[in-house]
Amino acid sequence: MGRGRAKAKQTKVARELKYAHHDLDVERLTKELGGSSSRDDIPPASSHEPESEPAH
């Protein structure tokens, strides 16, 4: 016993995070992380597809 309150609180917190509308200040976040504000500096994402194997 005693799990009910903890689970209810976790559910409440999860629901708040899911449905809350957070304003995101990208410029401020970039400054805090010490990065560049230009998206040109970000390398393109690599493909995660496996390379084709030679037929045996």
PDB file of N, CA and C in Angstrom:
ATOM      1  N   MET A   1       0.845  -1.189   0.000  1.00  0.00           N
ATOM      2  CA  MET A   1       0.000   0.000   0.000  1.00  0.00           C
ATOM      3  C   MET A   1       0.885   1.246   0.000  1.00  0.00           C
ATOM      4  N   GLY A   2       0.270   2.399  -0.294  1.00  0.00           N
ATOM      5  CA  GLY A   2       1.027   3.631  -0.311  1.00  0.00           C
ATOM      6  C   GLY A   2       1.473   4.055  -1.694  1.00  0.00           C
ATOM      7  N   ARG A   3       1.267   3.213  -2.663  1.00  0.00           N
ATOM      8  CA  ARG A   3       1.684   3.518  -4.042  1.00  0.00           C
ATOM      9  C   ARG A   3       0.697   4.467  -4.718  1.00  0.00           C
ATOM     10  N   GLY A   4      -0.519   4.519  -4.238  1.00  0.00           N
ATOM     11  CA  GLY A   4      -1.564   5.318  -4.880  1.00  0.00           C
ATOM     12  C   GLY A   4      -1.236   6.791  -4.997  1.00  0.00           C
ATOM     13  N   ARG A   5      -0.762   7.384  -3.914  1.00  0.00           N
ATOM     14  CA  ARG A   5      -0.450   8.820  -3.951  1.00  0.00           C
ATOM     15  C   ARG A   5       0.717   9.113  -4.872  1.00  0.00           C
ATOM     16  N   ALA A   6       1.748   8.284  -4.817  1.00  0.00           N
ATOM     17  CA  ALA A   6       2.918   8.500  -5.665  1.00  0.00           C
ATOM     18  C   ALA A   6       2.536   8.385  -7.138  1.00  0.00           C
ATOM     19  N   LYS A   7       1.738   7.380  -7.469  1.00  0.00           N
ATOM     20  CA  LYS A   7       1.314   7.199  -8.854  1.00  0.00           C
ATOM     21  C   LYS A   7       0.429   8.356  -9.302  1.00  0.00           C
ATOM     22  N   ALA A   8      -0.451   8.819  -8.424  1.00  0.00           N
ATOM     23  CA  ALA A   8      -1.324   9.944  -8.765  1.00  0.00           C
ATOM     24  C   ALA A   8      -0.501  11.203  -9.033  1.00  0.00           C
ATOM     25  N   LYS A   9       0.543  11.413  -8.240  1.00  0.00           N
ATOM     26  CA  LYS A   9       1.388  12.593  -8.440  1.00  0.00           C
ATOM     27  C   LYS A   9       2.154  12.483  -9.751  1.00  0.00           C
ATOM     28  N   GLN A  10       2.686  11.289 -10.048  1.00  0.00           N
ATOM     29  CA  GLN A  10       3.400  11.093 -11.305  1.00  0.00           C
ATOM     30  C   GLN A  10       2.480  11.336 -12.495  1.00  0.00           C
ATOM     31  N   THR A  11       1.252  10.851 -12.386  1.00  0.00           N
ATOM     32  CA  THR A  11       0.274  11.036 -13.453  1.00  0.00           C
ATOM     33  C   THR A  11      -0.032  12.519 -13.637  1.00  0.00           C
ATOM     34  N   LYS A  12      -0.179  13.235 -12.527  1.00  0.00           N
ATOM     35  CA  LYS A  12      -0.473  14.666 -12.580  1.00  0.00           C
ATOM     36  C   LYS A  12       0.672  15.429 -13.243  1.00  0.00           C
ATOM     37  N   VAL A  13       1.897  15.131 -12.848  1.00  0.00           N
ATOM     38  CA  VAL A  13       3.064  15.806 -13.409  1.00  0.00           C
ATOM     39  C   VAL A  13       3.194  15.491 -14.898  1.00  0.00           C
ATOM     40  N   ALA A  14       3.006  14.240 -15.258  1.00  0.00           N
ATOM     41  CA  ALA A  14       3.106  13.850 -16.668  1.00  0.00           C
ATOM     42  C   ALA A  14       2.048  14.556 -17.500  1.00  0.00           C
ATOM     43  N   ARG A  15       0.856  14.654 -16.982  1.00  0.00           N
ATOM     44  CA  ARG A  15      -0.229  15.329 -17.698  1.00  0.00           C
ATOM     45  C   ARG A  15       0.080  16.810 -17.875  1.00  0.00           C
ATOM     46  N   GLU A  16       0.634  17.446 -16.834  1.00  0.00           N
ATOM     47  CA  GLU A  16       0.991  18.864 -16.926  1.00  0.00           C
ATOM     48  C   GLU A  16       2.062  19.078 -17.992  1.00  0.00           C
ATOM     49  N   LEU A  17       3.052  18.196 -18.016  1.00  0.00           N
ATOM     50  CA  LEU A  17       4.111  18.326 -19.015  1.00  0.00           C
ATOM     51  C   LEU A  17       3.585  18.104 -20.428  1.00  0.00           C
ATOM     52  N   LYS A  18       2.663  17.172 -20.563  1.00  0.00           N
ATOM     53  CA  LYS A  18       2.134  16.843 -21.887  1.00  0.00           C
ATOM     54  C   LYS A  18       1.271  17.963 -22.456  1.00  0.00           C
ATOM     55  N   TYR A  19       0.432  18.556 -21.622  1.00  0.00           N
ATOM     56  CA  TYR A  19      -0.543  19.509 -22.129  1.00  0.00           C
ATOM     57  C   TYR A  19      -0.177  20.968 -21.905  1.00  0.00           C
ATOM     58  N   ALA A  20       0.896  21.256 -21.168  1.00  0.00           N
ATOM     59  CA  ALA A  20       1.290  22.642 -20.935  1.00  0.00           C
ATOM     60  C   ALA A  20       1.875  23.228 -22.215  1.00  0.00           C
ATOM     61  N   HIS A  21       1.649  24.487 -22.426  1.00  0.00           N
ATOM     62  CA  HIS A  21       2.189  25.174 -23.592  1.00  0.00           C
ATOM     63  C   HIS A  21       3.404  25.961 -23.127  1.00  0.00           C
ATOM     64  N   HIS A  22       4.568  25.460 -23.470  1.00  0.00           N
ATOM     65  CA  HIS A  22       5.807  26.098 -23.057  1.00  0.00           C
ATOM     66  C   HIS A  22       6.289  27.011 -24.167  1.00  0.00           C
ATOM     67  N   ASP A  23       6.603  28.246 -23.794  1.00  0.00           N
ATOM     68  CA  ASP A  23       7.183  29.167 -24.760  1.00  0.00           C
ATOM     69  C   ASP A  23       8.684  28.919 -24.801  1.00  0.00           C
ATOM     70  N   LEU A  24       9.210  28.738 -25.984  1.00  0.00           N
ATOM     71  CA  LEU A  24      10.617  28.416 -26.139  1.00  0.00           C
ATOM     72  C   LEU A  24      11.326  29.596 -26.784  1.00  0.00           C
ATOM     73  N   ASP A  25      12.252  30.186 -26.045  1.00  0.00           N
ATOM     74  CA  ASP A  25      13.052  31.283 -26.564  1.00  0.00           C
ATOM     75  C   ASP A  25      14.343  30.684 -27.122  1.00  0.00           C
ATOM     76  N   VAL A  26      14.370  30.458 -28.423  1.00  0.00           N
ATOM     77  CA  VAL A  26      15.477  29.762 -29.054  1.00  0.00           C
ATOM     78  C   VAL A  26      16.779  30.557 -28.921  1.00  0.00           C
ATOM     79  N   GLU A  27      16.714  31.857 -29.098  1.00  0.00           N
ATOM     80  CA  GLU A  27      17.935  32.668 -29.022  1.00  0.00           C
ATOM     81  C   GLU A  27      18.545  32.607 -27.621  1.00  0.00           C
ATOM     82  N   ARG A  28      17.702  32.706 -26.608  1.00  0.00           N
ATOM     83  CA  ARG A  28      18.199  32.651 -25.232  1.00  0.00           C
ATOM     84  C   ARG A  28      18.793  31.284 -24.920  1.00  0.00           C
ATOM     85  N   LEU A  29      18.131  30.235 -25.379  1.00  0.00           N
ATOM     86  CA  LEU A  29      18.621  28.885 -25.164  1.00  0.00           C
ATOM     87  C   LEU A  29      19.971  28.686 -25.854  1.00  0.00           C
ATOM     88  N   THR A  30      20.104  29.218 -27.061  1.00  0.00           N
ATOM     89  CA  THR A  30      21.357  29.103 -27.799  1.00  0.00           C
ATOM     90  C   THR A  30      22.484  29.801 -27.058  1.00  0.00           C
ATOM     91  N   LYS A  31      22.199  30.981 -26.513  1.00  0.00           N
ATOM     92  CA  LYS A  31      23.216  31.715 -25.764  1.00  0.00           C
ATOM     93  C   LYS A  31      23.621  30.952 -24.515  1.00  0.00           C
ATOM     94  N   GLU A  32      22.654  30.358 -23.825  1.00  0.00           N
ATOM     95  CA  GLU A  32      22.947  29.616 -22.599  1.00  0.00           C
ATOM     96  C   GLU A  32      23.799  28.385 -22.907  1.00  0.00           C
ATOM     97  N   LEU A  33      23.556  27.763 -24.039  1.00  0.00           N
ATOM     98  CA  LEU A  33      24.317  26.574 -24.403  1.00  0.00           C
ATOM     99  C   LEU A  33      25.660  26.924 -25.029  1.00  0.00           C
ATOM    100  N   GLY A  34      25.866  28.212 -25.321  1.00  0.00           N
ATOM    101  CA  GLY A  34      27.139  28.651 -25.863  1.00  0.00           C
ATOM    102  C   GLY A  34      27.324  28.330 -27.325  1.00  0.00           C
ATOM    103  N   GLY A  35      26.234  28.103 -28.027  1.00  0.00           N
ATOM    104  CA  GLY A  35      26.318  27.753 -29.441  1.00  0.00           C
ATOM    105  C   GLY A  35      26.139  28.954 -30.332  1.00  0.00           C
ATOM    106  N   SER A  36      26.181  28.700 -31.600  1.00  0.00           N
ATOM    107  CA  SER A  36      25.976  29.729 -32.602  1.00  0.00           C
ATOM    108  C   SER A  36      24.493  29.859 -32.892  1.00  0.00           C
ATOM    109  N   SER A  37      24.062  31.055 -33.249  1.00  0.00           N
ATOM    110  CA  SER A  37      22.646  31.255 -33.544  1.00  0.00           C
ATOM    111  C   SER A  37      22.316  30.914 -34.992  1.00  0.00           C
ATOM    112  N   SER A  38      23.325  30.588 -35.785  1.00  0.00           N
ATOM    113  CA  SER A  38      23.109  30.254 -37.184  1.00  0.00           C
ATOM    114  C   SER A  38      22.892  28.758 -37.348  1.00  0.00           C
ATOM    115  N   ARG A  39      21.885  28.385 -38.123  1.00  0.00           N
ATOM    116  CA  ARG A  39      21.613  26.975 -38.363  1.00  0.00           C
ATOM    117  C   ARG A  39      22.554  26.412 -39.424  1.00  0.00           C
ATOM    118  N   ASP A  40      23.333  27.281 -40.099  1.00  0.00           N
ATOM    119  CA  ASP A  40      24.262  26.822 -41.121  1.00  0.00           C
ATOM    120  C   ASP A  40      25.404  26.013 -40.521  1.00  0.00           C
ATOM    121  N   ASP A  41      25.661  26.193 -39.216  1.00  0.00           N
ATOM    122  CA  ASP A  41      26.756  25.496 -38.554  1.00  0.00           C
ATOM    123  C   ASP A  41      26.413  24.067 -38.191  1.00  0.00           C
ATOM    124  N   ILE A  42      25.143  23.696 -38.286  1.00  0.00           N
ATOM    125  CA  ILE A  42      24.716  22.361 -37.895  1.00  0.00           C
ATOM    126  C   ILE A  42      24.954  21.405 -39.061  1.00  0.00           C
ATOM    127  N   PRO A  43      25.726  20.347 -38.842  1.00  0.00           N
ATOM    128  CA  PRO A  43      25.974  19.400 -39.941  1.00  0.00           C
ATOM    129  C   PRO A  43      24.704  18.623 -40.264  1.00  0.00           C
ATOM    130  N   PRO A  44      24.556  18.186 -41.507  1.00  0.00           N
ATOM    131  CA  PRO A  44      23.363  17.410 -41.876  1.00  0.00           C
ATOM    132  C   PRO A  44      23.348  16.074 -41.144  1.00  0.00           C
ATOM    133  N   ALA A  45      22.167  15.603 -40.840  1.00  0.00           N
ATOM    134  CA  ALA A  45      22.023  14.327 -40.142  1.00  0.00           C
ATOM    135  C   ALA A  45      22.458  13.200 -41.061  1.00  0.00           C
ATOM    136  N   SER A  46      23.180  12.252 -40.491  1.00  0.00           N
ATOM    137  CA  SER A  46      23.614  11.119 -41.292  1.00  0.00           C
ATOM    138  C   SER A  46      22.484  10.107 -41.383  1.00  0.00           C
ATOM    139  N   SER A  47      22.509   9.344 -42.443  1.00  0.00           N
ATOM    140  CA  SER A  47      21.480   8.330 -42.644  1.00  0.00           C
ATOM    141  C   SER A  47      21.747   7.151 -41.726  1.00  0.00           C
ATOM    142  N   HIS A  48      20.715   6.637 -41.100  1.00  0.00           N
ATOM    143  CA  HIS A  48      20.856   5.511 -40.190  1.00  0.00           C
ATOM    144  C   HIS A  48      20.466   4.200 -40.859  1.00  0.00           C
ATOM    145  N   GLU A  49      20.359   4.222 -42.189  1.00  0.00           N
ATOM    146  CA  GLU A  49      20.003   3.010 -42.905  1.00  0.00           C
ATOM    147  C   GLU A  49      21.233   2.119 -43.006  1.00  0.00           C
ATOM    148  N   PRO A  50      21.069   0.830 -42.776  1.00  0.00           N
ATOM    149  CA  PRO A  50      22.227  -0.059 -42.880  1.00  0.00           C
ATOM    150  C   PRO A  50      22.691  -0.168 -44.336  1.00  0.00           C
ATOM    151  N   GLU A  51      24.006  -0.322 -44.501  1.00  0.00           N
ATOM    152  CA  GLU A  51      24.543  -0.458 -45.843  1.00  0.00           C
ATOM    153  C   GLU A  51      24.142  -1.831 -46.398  1.00  0.00           C
ATOM    154  N   SER A  52      23.943  -1.877 -47.699  1.00  0.00           N
ATOM    155  CA  SER A  52      23.550  -3.162 -48.286  1.00  0.00           C
ATOM    156  C   SER A  52      24.744  -4.115 -48.255  1.00  0.00           C
ATOM    157  N   GLU A  53      24.457  -5.360 -47.926  1.00  0.00           N
ATOM    158  CA  GLU A  53      25.506  -6.364 -47.842  1.00  0.00           C
ATOM    159  C   GLU A  53      25.629  -7.087 -49.172  1.00  0.00           C
ATOM    160  N   PRO A  54      26.837  -7.503 -49.542  1.00  0.00           N
ATOM    161  CA  PRO A  54      27.002  -8.235 -50.805  1.00  0.00           C
ATOM    162  C   PRO A  54      26.279  -9.581 -50.748  1.00  0.00           C
ATOM    163  N   ALA A  55      25.731  -9.992 -51.879  1.00  0.00           N
ATOM    164  CA  ALA A  55      25.020 -11.275 -51.948  1.00  0.00           C
ATOM    165  C   ALA A  55      26.020 -12.414 -51.903  1.00  0.00           C
ATOM    166  N   HIS A  56      25.650 -13.490 -51.257  1.00  0.00           N
ATOM    167  CA  HIS A  56      26.527 -14.659 -51.134  1.00  0.00           C
ATOM    168  C   HIS A  56      26.170 -15.701 -52.163  1.00  0.00           C
TER     169      HIS A  56
END
